[in-house]
Protein backbone atom coordinates (compact mmCIF):
# COMPACT_ATOMS: atom_id res chain seq x y z
CA MET A 1 -9.44 21.80 27.77
CA GLY A 2 -8.27 18.20 28.03
CA PRO A 3 -7.24 15.76 25.29
CA GLY A 4 -9.38 15.95 22.21
CA GLY A 5 -10.31 19.59 22.69
CA PRO A 6 -10.23 22.13 19.88
CA GLY A 7 -6.80 22.51 18.33
CA SER A 8 -5.35 19.63 20.33
CA GLY A 9 -3.93 17.83 17.30
CA TRP A 10 -5.72 14.55 18.05
CA PRO A 11 -7.32 14.21 14.58
CA LEU A 12 -3.89 14.55 12.96
CA ALA A 13 -2.36 12.08 15.41
CA GLY A 14 -5.19 9.62 14.71
CA THR A 15 -4.67 9.90 10.96
CA LEU A 16 -0.94 9.32 11.35
CA LEU A 17 -1.55 6.30 13.59
CA VAL A 18 -3.90 4.75 11.02
CA ALA A 19 -1.34 5.27 8.22
CA VAL A 20 1.44 3.67 10.28
CA ALA A 21 -0.77 0.74 11.31
CA ALA A 22 -1.81 0.16 7.69
CA SER A 23 1.79 0.08 6.57
CA MET A 24 2.76 -2.37 9.32
CA VAL A 25 -0.16 -4.69 8.57
CA ALA A 26 0.57 -4.61 4.86
CA GLY A 27 4.34 -4.95 5.37
CA GLY A 28 5.90 -7.68 3.26
CA GLU A 29 2.87 -8.02 1.03
CA ASP A 30 3.78 -9.62 -2.26
CA CYS A 31 3.38 -8.07 -5.66
CA LEU A 32 1.48 -10.53 -7.82
CA TRP A 33 2.34 -11.20 -11.46
CA TYR A 34 1.09 -8.63 -13.92
CA VAL A 35 1.06 -7.60 -17.56
CA ASP A 36 2.43 -4.15 -18.37
CA LYS A 37 1.00 -1.69 -20.92
CA ASN A 38 3.17 -3.24 -23.65
CA GLY A 39 1.68 -6.69 -23.01
CA SER A 40 4.86 -8.03 -21.34
CA TRP A 41 4.34 -10.49 -18.50
CA HIS A 42 6.17 -9.85 -15.20
CA PRO A 43 6.48 -12.52 -12.48
CA GLY A 44 5.38 -11.80 -8.94
CA PHE A 45 7.96 -10.81 -6.33
CA ASP A 46 8.33 -10.37 -2.58
CA CYS A 47 8.81 -7.01 -0.92
CA GLU A 48 11.31 -6.59 1.90
CA TYR A 49 10.28 -6.19 5.53
CA TYR A 50 8.28 -2.99 6.21
CA THR A 51 7.67 -2.42 2.51
CA PHE A 52 4.72 -3.44 0.43
CA CYS A 53 3.51 -3.59 -3.14
CA CYS A 54 2.86 -0.20 -4.70
CA GLY A 55 2.05 1.11 -8.15
CA THR A 56 -0.68 0.44 -10.66
CA CYS A 57 -2.18 -2.48 -12.53
CA HIS A 58 0.53 -2.13 -15.18
CA GLN A 59 3.59 -1.22 -13.08
CA ARG A 60 4.46 -2.56 -9.64
CA TYR A 61 7.28 -1.92 -7.21
CA CYS A 62 7.98 -2.06 -3.47
CA CYS A 63 7.69 1.09 -1.36
CA ARG A 64 7.00 2.36 2.16
CA ASP A 65 4.37 4.97 1.24
CA PRO A 66 0.96 3.77 2.49
CA LEU A 67 -0.76 6.15 0.05
CA ARG A 68 0.69 4.15 -2.87
CA LEU A 69 -0.19 0.73 -1.41
CA LEU A 70 -1.61 -1.74 -3.93
CA THR A 71 -3.31 -4.49 -1.90
CA GLU A 72 -3.49 -8.08 -3.10
CA ARG A 73 -7.24 -7.60 -3.51
CA GLN A 74 -6.64 -4.61 -5.81
CA GLN A 75 -4.02 -6.58 -7.73
CA ARG A 76 -6.47 -9.46 -8.28
CA HIS A 77 -9.04 -6.94 -9.50
CA CYS A 78 -6.46 -5.79 -12.08
CA LEU A 79 -6.14 -9.38 -13.31
CA ALA A 80 -9.90 -9.65 -13.83
CA PHE A 81 -9.92 -6.65 -16.15
């Protein structure tokens, strides 16, 4: 069978491509200011090239793992609650 046939690996390749594209689009995304679980305020900061804001509403850091990406939209949602 040709490309895309059973067992060809195309679904895995597509998933990997989406993850890489998401990380490139989100690269350099800033971490907005936040308040940690102790109520301490932390200023926003920039992430280096090919890294982006990761973490939770109460702890933020820069990383390259697209599964840990915290978008600016998600960060703003944290501020609302």
